[in-house]
C-alpha atoms as a PDB file:
ATOM      1  CA  MET A   1     -75.591 251.039 186.419  1.00  0.00           C
ATOM      2  CA  ARG A   2     -72.851 253.536 185.576  1.00  0.00           C
ATOM      3  CA  ASN A   3     -73.843 255.765 188.542  1.00  0.00           C
ATOM      4  CA  ASP A   4     -73.781 252.758 190.899  1.00  0.00           C
ATOM      5  CA  ARG A   5     -70.287 251.830 189.690  1.00  0.00           C
ATOM      6  CA  LEU A   6     -69.109 255.438 190.095  1.00  0.00           C
ATOM      7  CA  SER A   7     -70.573 255.586 193.608  1.00  0.00           C
ATOM      8  CA  PHE A   8     -68.833 252.325 194.520  1.00  0.00           C
ATOM      9  CA  THR A   9     -65.527 253.623 193.134  1.00  0.00           C
ATOM     10  CA  ARG A  10     -65.813 256.794 195.181  1.00  0.00           C
ATOM     11  CA  ARG A  11     -66.630 254.833 198.357  1.00  0.00           C
ATOM     12  CA  LEU A  12     -63.658 252.563 197.723  1.00  0.00           C
ATOM     13  CA  ALA A  13     -61.347 255.532 197.266  1.00  0.00           C
ATOM     14  CA  ALA A  14     -62.659 257.155 200.453  1.00  0.00           C
ATOM     15  CA  TYR A  15     -62.115 253.910 202.333  1.00  0.00           C
ATOM     16  CA  ALA A  16     -58.533 253.695 201.036  1.00  0.00           C
ATOM     17  CA  VAL A  17     -57.819 257.232 202.203  1.00  0.00           C
ATOM     18  CA  LEU A  18     -59.332 256.533 205.619  1.00  0.00           C
ATOM     19  CA  SER A  19     -57.362 253.301 205.946  1.00  0.00           C
ATOM     20  CA  ALA A  20     -54.145 255.050 205.054  1.00  0.00           C
ATOM     21  CA  PHE A  21     -54.879 257.755 207.627  1.00  0.00           C
ATOM     22  CA  LEU A  22     -55.553 255.188 210.324  1.00  0.00           C
ATOM     23  CA  ALA A  23     -52.420 253.239 209.417  1.00  0.00           C
ATOM     24  CA  VAL A  24     -50.269 256.336 209.717  1.00  0.00           C
ATOM     25  CA  GLY A  25     -52.016 257.815 212.740  1.00  0.00           C
ATOM     26  CA  CYS A  26     -52.341 254.702 214.921  1.00  0.00           C
ATOM     27  CA  SER A  27     -49.925 252.076 216.130  1.00  0.00           C
ATOM     28  CA  ALA A  28     -50.624 248.354 216.429  1.00  0.00           C
ATOM     29  CA  THR A  29     -51.473 248.833 220.093  1.00  0.00           C
ATOM     30  CA  GLY A  30     -53.957 251.597 219.429  1.00  0.00           C
ATOM     31  CA  GLY A  31     -51.686 254.530 220.297  1.00  0.00           C
ATOM     32  CA  THR A  32     -50.873 257.373 217.943  1.00  0.00           C
ATOM     33  CA  THR A  33     -47.593 257.565 216.078  1.00  0.00           C
ATOM     34  CA  PRO A  34     -45.481 260.729 216.144  1.00  0.00           C
ATOM     35  CA  ALA A  35     -46.534 263.455 213.742  1.00  0.00           C
ATOM     36  CA  VAL A  36     -44.611 263.811 210.514  1.00  0.00           C
ATOM     37  CA  GLN A  37     -41.684 266.174 211.123  1.00  0.00           C
ATOM     38  CA  ALA A  38     -41.606 269.516 209.359  1.00  0.00           C
ATOM     39  CA  PRO A  39     -38.926 269.834 206.662  1.00  0.00           C
ATOM     40  CA  LYS A  40     -35.676 271.355 207.908  1.00  0.00           C
ATOM     41  CA  LEU A  41     -33.785 274.368 206.658  1.00  0.00           C
ATOM     42  CA  GLU A  42     -30.059 273.686 207.006  1.00  0.00           C
ATOM     43  CA  VAL A  43     -27.254 276.169 207.702  1.00  0.00           C
ATOM     44  CA  HIS A  44     -23.790 274.651 207.250  1.00  0.00           C
ATOM     45  CA  VAL A  45     -20.981 276.687 208.811  1.00  0.00           C
ATOM     46  CA  ILE A  46     -17.973 275.093 207.157  1.00  0.00           C
ATOM     47  CA  ASN A  47     -14.757 274.877 209.146  1.00  0.00           C
ATOM     48  CA  ILE A  48     -12.202 276.386 206.765  1.00  0.00           C
ATOM     49  CA  GLY A  49     -10.047 278.027 209.420  1.00  0.00           C
ATOM     50  CA  GLN A  50      -9.623 281.794 209.265  1.00  0.00           C
ATOM     51  CA  GLY A  51     -12.495 282.861 207.019  1.00  0.00           C
ATOM     52  CA  ASP A  52     -16.196 282.383 206.304  1.00  0.00           C
ATOM     53  CA  ALA A  53     -17.984 279.763 204.208  1.00  0.00           C
ATOM     54  CA  ILE A  54     -21.679 279.058 204.783  1.00  0.00           C
ATOM     55  CA  LEU A  55     -24.052 276.912 202.714  1.00  0.00           C
ATOM     56  CA  ILE A  56     -27.789 277.188 203.323  1.00  0.00           C
ATOM     57  CA  ARG A  57     -30.194 274.563 201.997  1.00  0.00           C
ATOM     58  CA  CYS A  58     -33.925 275.213 201.568  1.00  0.00           C
ATOM     59  CA  PRO A  59     -36.328 272.933 203.518  1.00  0.00           C
ATOM     60  CA  GLU A  60     -37.469 271.247 200.301  1.00  0.00           C
ATOM     61  CA  GLY A  61     -33.876 270.151 199.801  1.00  0.00           C
ATOM     62  CA  THR A  62     -33.084 271.264 196.258  1.00  0.00           C
ATOM     63  CA  HIS A  63     -32.278 274.986 196.475  1.00  0.00           C
ATOM     64  CA  GLU A  64     -29.153 276.491 198.032  1.00  0.00           C
ATOM     65  CA  MET A  65     -27.497 279.776 198.918  1.00  0.00           C
ATOM     66  CA  LEU A  66     -23.745 280.038 199.449  1.00  0.00           C
ATOM     67  CA  ILE A  67     -22.364 282.908 201.533  1.00  0.00           C
ATOM     68  CA  ASP A  68     -18.592 283.293 201.063  1.00  0.00           C
ATOM     69  CA  SER A  69     -16.085 280.585 200.222  1.00  0.00           C
ATOM     70  CA  GLY A  70     -13.183 280.750 202.655  1.00  0.00           C
ATOM     71  CA  GLU A  71      -9.468 281.417 202.366  1.00  0.00           C
ATOM     72  CA  LEU A  72      -6.824 280.052 200.012  1.00  0.00           C
ATOM     73  CA  SER A  73      -4.849 277.035 201.234  1.00  0.00           C
ATOM     74  CA  GLN A  74      -1.517 278.832 200.883  1.00  0.00           C
ATOM     75  CA  ARG A  75      -2.680 281.512 203.352  1.00  0.00           C
ATOM     76  CA  TYR A  76      -4.391 279.209 205.857  1.00  0.00           C
ATOM     77  CA  ALA A  77      -3.374 275.544 205.851  1.00  0.00           C
ATOM     78  CA  GLN A  78      -5.767 273.368 203.825  1.00  0.00           C
ATOM     79  CA  ALA A  79      -8.515 276.029 203.782  1.00  0.00           C
ATOM     80  CA  GLY A  80      -9.302 275.656 200.088  1.00  0.00           C
ATOM     81  CA  ASN A  81      -9.118 271.867 200.162  1.00  0.00           C
ATOM     82  CA  LEU A  82     -11.432 271.706 203.172  1.00  0.00           C
ATOM     83  CA  PHE A  83     -13.986 273.980 201.503  1.00  0.00           C
ATOM     84  CA  LYS A  84     -13.979 272.120 198.185  1.00  0.00           C
ATOM     85  CA  ALA A  85     -14.247 268.713 199.845  1.00  0.00           C
ATOM     86  CA  TYR A  86     -17.158 269.766 202.055  1.00  0.00           C
ATOM     87  CA  LEU A  87     -19.080 271.524 199.298  1.00  0.00           C
ATOM     88  CA  THR A  88     -18.751 268.731 196.737  1.00  0.00           C
ATOM     89  CA  ARG A  89     -19.757 266.169 199.370  1.00  0.00           C
ATOM     90  CA  LEU A  90     -22.919 268.145 200.104  1.00  0.00           C
ATOM     91  CA  GLN A  91     -23.647 269.602 196.669  1.00  0.00           C
ATOM     92  CA  ALA A  92     -23.089 267.748 193.392  1.00  0.00           C
ATOM     93  CA  THR A  93     -21.443 269.933 190.762  1.00  0.00           C
ATOM     94  CA  ASP A  94     -24.370 269.344 188.363  1.00  0.00           C
ATOM     95  CA  ASN A  95     -26.738 270.841 190.970  1.00  0.00           C
ATOM     96  CA  PRO A  96     -26.949 274.644 190.486  1.00  0.00           C
ATOM     97  CA  ILE A  97     -26.491 277.031 193.404  1.00  0.00           C
ATOM     98  CA  GLU A  98     -29.378 279.474 193.208  1.00  0.00           C
ATOM     99  CA  VAL A  99     -27.700 282.375 195.057  1.00  0.00           C
ATOM    100  CA  VAL A 100     -24.020 283.013 195.770  1.00  0.00           C
ATOM    101  CA  VAL A 101     -23.126 285.920 198.066  1.00  0.00           C
ATOM    102  CA  ALA A 102     -19.649 287.383 198.458  1.00  0.00           C
ATOM    103  CA  SER A 103     -19.960 289.542 201.557  1.00  0.00           C
ATOM    104  CA  HIS A 104     -16.901 291.619 200.589  1.00  0.00           C
ATOM    105  CA  PRO A 105     -13.736 291.147 198.488  1.00  0.00           C
ATOM    106  CA  HIS A 106     -11.231 289.999 201.125  1.00  0.00           C
ATOM    107  CA  SER A 107      -9.503 286.710 200.314  1.00  0.00           C
ATOM    108  CA  ASP A 108     -10.741 284.906 203.438  1.00  0.00           C
ATOM    109  CA  HIS A 109     -14.250 285.322 202.033  1.00  0.00           C
ATOM    110  CA  ILE A 110     -13.777 284.995 198.247  1.00  0.00           C
ATOM    111  CA  GLY A 111     -10.648 282.817 198.180  1.00  0.00           C
ATOM    112  CA  ASN A 112     -12.392 279.869 196.502  1.00  0.00           C
ATOM    113  CA  MET A 113     -15.048 281.756 194.535  1.00  0.00           C
ATOM    114  CA  PRO A 114     -13.197 281.308 191.200  1.00  0.00           C
ATOM    115  CA  TRP A 115     -13.403 277.542 191.780  1.00  0.00           C
ATOM    116  CA  VAL A 116     -17.121 277.810 192.620  1.00  0.00           C
ATOM    117  CA  VAL A 117     -17.785 279.717 189.388  1.00  0.00           C
ATOM    118  CA  ASP A 118     -15.830 277.102 187.414  1.00  0.00           C
ATOM    119  CA  HIS A 119     -17.663 274.119 188.893  1.00  0.00           C
ATOM    120  CA  TYR A 120     -21.259 275.252 189.527  1.00  0.00           C
ATOM    121  CA  SER A 121     -24.037 276.933 187.611  1.00  0.00           C
ATOM    122  CA  ILE A 122     -25.027 280.055 189.589  1.00  0.00           C
ATOM    123  CA  GLY A 123     -28.473 281.652 189.505  1.00  0.00           C
ATOM    124  CA  VAL A 124     -27.348 285.067 190.745  1.00  0.00           C
ATOM    125  CA  TYR A 125     -24.115 286.393 192.262  1.00  0.00           C
ATOM    126  CA  VAL A 126     -24.426 289.137 194.889  1.00  0.00           C
ATOM    127  CA  ASP A 127     -21.563 291.287 196.194  1.00  0.00           C
ATOM    128  CA  ASP A 128     -20.999 294.760 197.625  1.00  0.00           C
ATOM    129  CA  GLY A 129     -19.843 296.273 194.334  1.00  0.00           C
ATOM    130  CA  LEU A 130     -16.374 297.215 195.570  1.00  0.00           C
ATOM    131  CA  ILE A 131     -13.330 296.610 193.385  1.00  0.00           C
ATOM    132  CA  GLY A 132     -10.841 294.337 195.088  1.00  0.00           C
ATOM    133  CA  THR A 133      -7.101 294.647 194.501  1.00  0.00           C
ATOM    134  CA  SER A 134      -6.034 291.006 194.765  1.00  0.00           C
ATOM    135  CA  ALA A 135      -5.215 288.610 191.950  1.00  0.00           C
ATOM    136  CA  THR A 136      -7.984 286.350 193.296  1.00  0.00           C
ATOM    137  CA  PHE A 137     -10.538 289.131 192.837  1.00  0.00           C
ATOM    138  CA  ARG A 138      -9.369 289.841 189.267  1.00  0.00           C
ATOM    139  CA  THR A 139      -9.544 286.156 188.364  1.00  0.00           C
ATOM    140  CA  LEU A 140     -13.018 285.905 189.883  1.00  0.00           C
ATOM    141  CA  GLU A 141     -14.290 288.878 187.877  1.00  0.00           C
ATOM    142  CA  GLU A 142     -12.931 287.382 184.661  1.00  0.00           C
ATOM    143  CA  LYS A 143     -14.653 284.057 185.319  1.00  0.00           C
ATOM    144  CA  LEU A 144     -17.988 285.670 186.252  1.00  0.00           C
ATOM    145  CA  ALA A 145     -17.910 287.669 183.022  1.00  0.00           C
ATOM    146  CA  ALA A 146     -16.859 284.705 180.885  1.00  0.00           C
ATOM    147  CA  ARG A 147     -19.701 282.545 182.212  1.00  0.00           C
ATOM    148  CA  GLN A 148     -22.166 285.450 182.048  1.00  0.00           C
ATOM    149  CA  VAL A 149     -23.329 284.931 185.620  1.00  0.00           C
ATOM    150  CA  PRO A 150     -26.208 287.303 186.547  1.00  0.00           C
ATOM    151  CA  ARG A 151     -25.004 289.940 189.025  1.00  0.00           C
ATOM    152  CA  ARG A 152     -26.446 292.133 191.761  1.00  0.00           C
ATOM    153  CA  HIS A 153     -24.460 294.695 193.769  1.00  0.00           C
ATOM    154  CA  LEU A 154     -25.110 296.267 197.154  1.00  0.00           C
ATOM    155  CA  LYS A 155     -24.161 299.582 195.501  1.00  0.00           C
ATOM    156  CA  ASP A 156     -26.968 299.293 192.905  1.00  0.00           C
ATOM    157  CA  ASP A 157     -29.606 302.029 193.001  1.00  0.00           C
ATOM    158  CA  ALA A 158     -32.147 299.566 194.359  1.00  0.00           C
ATOM    159  CA  VAL A 159     -31.403 297.162 197.185  1.00  0.00           C
ATOM    160  CA  PRO A 160     -30.878 293.721 195.602  1.00  0.00           C
ATOM    161  CA  GLU A 161     -33.898 291.453 195.910  1.00  0.00           C
ATOM    162  CA  ILE A 162     -32.948 287.794 196.036  1.00  0.00           C
ATOM    163  CA  GLN A 163     -34.799 284.549 196.656  1.00  0.00           C
ATOM    164  CA  PHE A 164     -33.261 281.119 196.619  1.00  0.00           C
ATOM    165  CA  CYS A 165     -36.177 278.997 197.818  1.00  0.00           C
ATOM    166  CA  PRO A 166     -39.688 278.711 196.323  1.00  0.00           C
ATOM    167  CA  LEU A 167     -41.390 278.093 199.677  1.00  0.00           C
ATOM    168  CA  GLN A 168     -43.540 281.003 200.813  1.00  0.00           C
ATOM    169  CA  ASP A 169     -42.402 280.827 204.433  1.00  0.00           C
ATOM    170  CA  VAL A 170     -38.724 281.201 203.468  1.00  0.00           C
ATOM    171  CA  LYS A 171     -37.679 284.806 202.901  1.00  0.00           C
ATOM    172  CA  VAL A 172     -34.285 286.361 202.210  1.00  0.00           C
ATOM    173  CA  ARG A 173     -33.577 290.082 202.547  1.00  0.00           C
ATOM    174  CA  VAL A 174     -30.493 292.162 201.944  1.00  0.00           C
ATOM    175  CA  LEU A 175     -30.179 294.814 204.669  1.00  0.00           C
ATOM    176  CA  ARG A 176     -28.645 298.026 203.351  1.00  0.00           C
ATOM    177  CA  PRO A 177     -28.709 300.861 205.876  1.00  0.00           C
ATOM    178  CA  ARG A 178     -28.717 304.510 204.884  1.00  0.00           C
ATOM    179  CA  GLY A 179     -25.374 306.273 204.916  1.00  0.00           C
ATOM    180  CA  MET A 180     -23.202 303.472 203.485  1.00  0.00           C
ATOM    181  CA  ASP A 181     -20.139 304.987 201.811  1.00  0.00           C
ATOM    182  CA  TYR A 182     -18.710 301.761 200.307  1.00  0.00           C
ATOM    183  CA  SER A 183     -15.146 302.608 201.212  1.00  0.00           C
ATOM    184  CA  ASP A 184     -12.372 300.720 199.462  1.00  0.00           C
ATOM    185  CA  ASP A 185     -10.251 301.569 202.517  1.00  0.00           C
ATOM    186  CA  ASP A 186     -12.371 299.324 204.767  1.00  0.00           C
ATOM    187  CA  PRO A 187     -14.442 296.770 202.808  1.00  0.00           C
ATOM    188  CA  ASN A 188     -15.451 295.119 206.096  1.00  0.00           C
ATOM    189  CA  ASP A 189     -17.895 297.938 206.764  1.00  0.00           C
ATOM    190  CA  SER A 190     -19.428 297.476 203.316  1.00  0.00           C
ATOM    191  CA  SER A 191     -20.311 293.837 203.925  1.00  0.00           C
ATOM    192  CA  VAL A 192     -23.479 292.417 202.400  1.00  0.00           C
ATOM    193  CA  ILE A 193     -25.862 291.720 205.292  1.00  0.00           C
ATOM    194  CA  ILE A 194     -28.351 288.877 204.812  1.00  0.00           C
ATOM    195  CA  ARG A 195     -31.440 288.201 206.918  1.00  0.00           C
ATOM    196  CA  LEU A 196     -33.097 284.823 206.411  1.00  0.00           C
ATOM    197  CA  ASP A 197     -36.496 283.843 207.808  1.00  0.00           C
ATOM    198  CA  TYR A 198     -38.079 280.412 207.885  1.00  0.00           C
ATOM    199  CA  GLY A 199     -41.447 280.326 209.596  1.00  0.00           C
ATOM    200  CA  LYS A 200     -40.970 281.833 213.050  1.00  0.00           C
ATOM    201  CA  THR A 201     -37.171 281.452 213.048  1.00  0.00           C
ATOM    202  CA  SER A 202     -34.675 284.037 211.815  1.00  0.00           C
ATOM    203  CA  PHE A 203     -30.979 284.188 210.908  1.00  0.00           C
ATOM    204  CA  LEU A 204     -28.578 287.105 210.444  1.00  0.00           C
ATOM    205  CA  PHE A 205     -25.345 286.826 208.440  1.00  0.00           C
ATOM    206  CA  VAL A 206     -23.183 289.947 208.708  1.00  0.00           C
ATOM    207  CA  GLY A 207     -19.935 289.101 206.926  1.00  0.00           C
ATOM    208  CA  ASP A 208     -17.148 291.171 208.462  1.00  0.00           C
ATOM    209  CA  ALA A 209     -19.330 294.140 209.394  1.00  0.00           C
ATOM    210  CA  GLU A 210     -17.630 296.215 212.072  1.00  0.00           C
ATOM    211  CA  SER A 211     -18.879 298.850 214.494  1.00  0.00           C
ATOM    212  CA  GLY A 212     -19.410 301.425 211.712  1.00  0.00           C
ATOM    213  CA  GLU A 213     -21.840 299.306 209.727  1.00  0.00           C
ATOM    214  CA  GLU A 214     -23.435 297.984 212.910  1.00  0.00           C
ATOM    215  CA  LYS A 215     -24.139 301.587 213.941  1.00  0.00           C
ATOM    216  CA  LEU A 216     -25.715 302.420 210.565  1.00  0.00           C
ATOM    217  CA  LEU A 217     -27.919 299.333 210.765  1.00  0.00           C
ATOM    218  CA  MET A 218     -29.159 300.406 214.203  1.00  0.00           C
ATOM    219  CA  GLU A 219     -29.726 304.048 213.218  1.00  0.00           C
ATOM    220  CA  ASP A 220     -31.778 303.314 210.094  1.00  0.00           C
ATOM    221  CA  PRO A 221     -35.473 302.944 211.069  1.00  0.00           C
ATOM    222  CA  GLU A 222     -35.957 300.495 208.184  1.00  0.00           C
ATOM    223  CA  THR A 223     -33.139 298.109 209.039  1.00  0.00           C
ATOM    224  CA  ARG A 224     -33.143 298.252 212.848  1.00  0.00           C
ATOM    225  CA  PRO A 225     -36.380 296.235 213.303  1.00  0.00           C
ATOM    226  CA  LEU A 226     -34.927 293.550 211.023  1.00  0.00           C
ATOM    227  CA  LEU A 227     -31.872 293.025 213.221  1.00  0.00           C
ATOM    228  CA  ASP A 228     -33.743 291.114 215.929  1.00  0.00           C
ATOM    229  CA  CYS A 229     -32.925 287.490 215.034  1.00  0.00           C
ATOM    230  CA  ASP A 230     -32.645 284.095 216.708  1.00  0.00           C
ATOM    231  CA  PHE A 231     -29.322 283.190 215.076  1.00  0.00           C
ATOM    232  CA  LEU A 232     -26.283 285.399 214.479  1.00  0.00           C
ATOM    233  CA  LYS A 233     -23.207 284.597 212.459  1.00  0.00           C
ATOM    234  CA  ALA A 234     -20.834 286.796 214.444  1.00  0.00           C
ATOM    235  CA  GLY A 235     -19.139 289.563 212.489  1.00  0.00           C
ATOM    236  CA  HIS A 236     -15.457 289.539 211.569  1.00  0.00           C
ATOM    237  CA  HIS A 237     -14.612 286.207 213.227  1.00  0.00           C
ATOM    238  CA  ALA A 238     -15.426 287.553 216.716  1.00  0.00           C
ATOM    239  CA  SER A 239     -12.876 290.352 216.516  1.00  0.00           C
ATOM    240  CA  GLU A 240     -13.039 293.323 218.884  1.00  0.00           C
ATOM    241  CA  THR A 241     -14.082 295.609 216.017  1.00  0.00           C
ATOM    242  CA  SER A 242     -17.452 293.825 215.703  1.00  0.00           C
ATOM    243  CA  SER A 243     -20.285 292.517 217.884  1.00  0.00           C
ATOM    244  CA  LYS A 244     -20.474 295.667 219.976  1.00  0.00           C
ATOM    245  CA  GLN A 245     -22.825 295.427 222.949  1.00  0.00           C
ATOM    246  CA  ALA A 246     -25.374 297.893 221.535  1.00  0.00           C
ATOM    247  CA  PHE A 247     -25.577 295.858 218.330  1.00  0.00           C
ATOM    248  CA  LEU A 248     -26.005 292.597 220.217  1.00  0.00           C
ATOM    249  CA  ASP A 249     -28.771 294.211 222.268  1.00  0.00           C
ATOM    250  CA  ALA A 250     -30.561 295.009 218.990  1.00  0.00           C
ATOM    251  CA  VAL A 251     -30.079 291.490 217.603  1.00  0.00           C
ATOM    252  CA  THR A 252     -30.763 289.544 220.855  1.00  0.00           C
ATOM    253  CA  PRO A 253     -29.337 286.301 219.427  1.00  0.00           C
ATOM    254  CA  LYS A 254     -30.243 282.996 221.031  1.00  0.00           C
ATOM    255  CA  ILE A 255     -27.574 281.137 219.064  1.00  0.00           C
ATOM    256  CA  VAL A 256     -24.239 282.480 217.793  1.00  0.00           C
ATOM    257  CA  ALA A 257     -21.859 280.877 215.302  1.00  0.00           C
ATOM    258  CA  VAL A 258     -18.259 282.054 214.991  1.00  0.00           C
ATOM    259  CA  SER A 259     -16.009 281.074 212.092  1.00  0.00           C
ATOM    260  CA  CYS A 260     -12.316 281.599 212.834  1.00  0.00           C
ATOM    261  CA  GLY A 261      -8.873 280.030 212.661  1.00  0.00           C
ATOM    262  CA  GLN A 262      -6.845 278.049 215.128  1.00  0.00           C
ATOM    263  CA  LYS A 263      -4.396 279.688 217.520  1.00  0.00           C
ATOM    264  CA  ASP A 264      -1.245 280.804 215.661  1.00  0.00           C
ATOM    265  CA  VAL A 265      -2.099 278.946 212.440  1.00  0.00           C
ATOM    266  CA  GLY A 266      -1.695 280.639 209.063  1.00  0.00           C
ATOM    267  CA  THR A 267      -3.166 284.132 208.836  1.00  0.00           C
ATOM    268  CA  ASN A 268      -4.540 283.821 212.374  1.00  0.00           C
ATOM    269  CA  LYS A 269      -1.006 284.293 213.677  1.00  0.00           C
ATOM    270  CA  GLY A 270      -1.630 287.964 212.991  1.00  0.00           C
ATOM    271  CA  PHE A 271      -5.410 288.324 213.355  1.00  0.00           C
ATOM    272  CA  LYS A 272      -5.636 286.426 216.649  1.00  0.00           C
ATOM    273  CA  HIS A 273      -9.338 285.541 216.456  1.00  0.00           C
ATOM    274  CA  PRO A 274     -11.557 285.050 218.357  1.00  0.00           C
ATOM    275  CA  ARG A 275     -11.058 287.771 220.932  1.00  0.00           C
ATOM    276  CA  LEU A 276     -11.752 287.201 224.619  1.00  0.00           C
ATOM    277  CA  LEU A 277     -13.553 290.544 225.008  1.00  0.00           C
ATOM    278  CA  THR A 278     -15.987 289.705 222.204  1.00  0.00           C
ATOM    279  CA  LEU A 279     -16.738 286.254 223.562  1.00  0.00           C
ATOM    280  CA  ARG A 280     -17.514 287.891 226.914  1.00  0.00           C
ATOM    281  CA  HIS A 281     -20.137 289.972 225.094  1.00  0.00           C
ATOM    282  CA  LEU A 282     -21.573 286.997 223.195  1.00  0.00           C
ATOM    283  CA  LEU A 283     -21.760 284.288 225.855  1.00  0.00           C
ATOM    284  CA  PRO A 284     -24.317 285.985 228.162  1.00  0.00           C
ATOM    285  CA  MET A 285     -26.594 286.745 225.193  1.00  0.00           C
ATOM    286  CA  ALA A 286     -27.032 283.141 224.045  1.00  0.00           C
ATOM    287  CA  GLU A 287     -29.479 280.541 225.322  1.00  0.00           C
ATOM    288  CA  THR A 288     -28.723 277.180 226.913  1.00  0.00           C
ATOM    289  CA  ARG A 289     -26.160 275.221 224.972  1.00  0.00           C
ATOM    290  CA  GLU A 290     -26.944 271.939 223.218  1.00  0.00           C
ATOM    291  CA  GLY A 291     -24.329 269.427 224.245  1.00  0.00           C
ATOM    292  CA  PRO A 292     -21.387 269.801 226.650  1.00  0.00           C
ATOM    293  CA  ALA A 293     -19.346 272.960 227.084  1.00  0.00           C
ATOM    294  CA  VAL A 294     -16.272 273.233 224.881  1.00  0.00           C
ATOM    295  CA  GLU A 295     -12.994 274.908 225.765  1.00  0.00           C
ATOM    296  CA  ILE A 296     -11.297 276.987 223.059  1.00  0.00           C
ATOM    297  CA  ASP A 297      -8.387 279.404 222.667  1.00  0.00           C
ATOM    298  CA  ALA A 298      -9.169 283.133 222.624  1.00  0.00           C
ATOM    299  CA  TYR A 299      -6.852 286.109 222.532  1.00  0.00           C
ATOM    300  CA  ASP A 300      -6.773 288.503 225.478  1.00  0.00           C
ATOM    301  CA  SER A 301      -5.772 291.864 223.975  1.00  0.00           C
ATOM    302  CA  GLU A 302      -5.193 293.395 227.412  1.00  0.00           C
ATOM    303  CA  LYS A 303      -2.719 290.766 228.577  1.00  0.00           C
ATOM    304  CA  LEU A 304      -1.474 290.162 225.010  1.00  0.00           C
ATOM    305  CA  GLU A 305      -1.759 286.408 225.351  1.00  0.00           C
ATOM    306  CA  TRP A 306      -3.929 283.460 224.385  1.00  0.00           C
ATOM    307  CA  VAL A 307      -6.202 282.121 227.120  1.00  0.00           C
ATOM    308  CA  LYS A 308      -8.624 279.235 227.471  1.00  0.00           C
ATOM    309  CA  VAL A 309     -12.346 280.054 227.403  1.00  0.00           C
ATOM    310  CA  LYS A 310     -15.185 277.676 228.207  1.00  0.00           C
ATOM    311  CA  LEU A 311     -18.173 278.015 225.873  1.00  0.00           C
ATOM    312  CA  ASN A 312     -20.992 277.256 228.306  1.00  0.00           C
ATOM    313  CA  SER A 313     -23.880 278.797 226.337  1.00  0.00           C
ATOM    314  CA  ALA A 314     -25.070 278.487 222.719  1.00  0.00           C
ATOM    315  CA  VAL A 315     -21.991 280.144 221.205  1.00  0.00           C
ATOM    316  CA  TYR A 316     -20.398 277.697 218.785  1.00  0.00           C
ATOM    317  CA  VAL A 317     -16.916 278.280 217.311  1.00  0.00           C
ATOM    318  CA  THR A 318     -15.392 276.406 214.365  1.00  0.00           C
ATOM    319  CA  SER A 319     -11.881 276.459 215.859  1.00  0.00           C
ATOM    320  CA  GLY A 320     -13.155 274.338 218.742  1.00  0.00           C
ATOM    321  CA  GLN A 321     -15.944 272.354 217.110  1.00  0.00           C
ATOM    322  CA  GLY A 322     -15.143 272.025 213.429  1.00  0.00           C
ATOM    323  CA  ASP A 323     -17.952 271.981 210.862  1.00  0.00           C
ATOM    324  CA  MET A 324     -21.320 272.957 212.315  1.00  0.00           C
ATOM    325  CA  VAL A 325     -24.845 272.354 211.006  1.00  0.00           C
ATOM    326  CA  PHE A 326     -27.870 274.205 212.330  1.00  0.00           C
ATOM    327  CA  GLU A 327     -31.410 273.128 211.466  1.00  0.00           C
ATOM    328  CA  SER A 328     -34.734 274.930 211.664  1.00  0.00           C
ATOM    329  CA  ASP A 329     -38.191 273.377 211.356  1.00  0.00           C
ATOM    330  CA  GLY A 330     -39.744 276.838 211.260  1.00  0.00           C
ATOM    331  CA  THR A 331     -40.397 276.960 215.002  1.00  0.00           C
ATOM    332  CA  ARG A 332     -36.959 276.502 216.590  1.00  0.00           C
ATOM    333  CA  ILE A 333     -33.300 276.253 215.618  1.00  0.00           C
ATOM    334  CA  HIS A 334     -31.361 273.168 216.620  1.00  0.00           C
ATOM    335  CA  LYS A 335     -27.660 272.377 216.329  1.00  0.00           C
ATOM    336  CA  ARG A 336     -27.107 269.009 214.766  1.00  0.00           C
ATOM    337  CA  PRO A 337     -24.870 266.787 216.995  1.00  0.00           C
END
């Protein structure tokens, strides 16, 4: 009797599973319903004006990596307020950030890091190991020490190994080419370079790396093969010192994101980003754009004037489009409308 009851229970369970499958797989008219969508990895390029601030969320939705934190509001109007508002809207302060990366110690990249350290629990903090000279850098170091945040430096003997997501098909690598001299004179060329892979899609975040670091990345036989990526966060806000043609040929980006300030606002009165010459390098590299073309201001260093440029391929710029979110399902990268 017990075996008969057990057999009946098993048949009932099998029937329930089959019924559930049929309910999900078939519509009322007999057709099939769309397949369940793969979970999305999210890359948020936050519009904080002249600077970088990027939050990446794992496809399972509960693990994050923050790369840079933007400029101070007193140097670029509302930069700090914009960053803090966006981050707290997306990430509750009681939700830890697994990995925080400071690409290098310039204020347009670490301006709001002291606030991040104050308000979030951090799994590991990664930087290039250079000693900054600003009051912001000194305050940040004091707060990291006081909260005993685990640290990794690009200058460490071993290349830092970091992982922010438990999924096996999500991988993060720090690219450190041979020959880095970690010069305090030019921290841009000591930027922490991050490659992120999800399934068949790949992302490259290069901080403010300029032609010197780009050249080292291409010359090192270990890092060069890792440059070829679908998505590129353009170096140094699309300045003329970065995104050289040889480097772009090694990366072959299908999608490019540029984070930069508005024409003649705050610190961008002097920097004048993005540059027309660099956009002319980037636009032919990218694939077909999602959505209509957007016209932005770019600085022509030959004519010494601002000009209008139409972005008619998948090059997306914060100064013209504001906050930008890119999603990957592991097979392709899509810009959220």
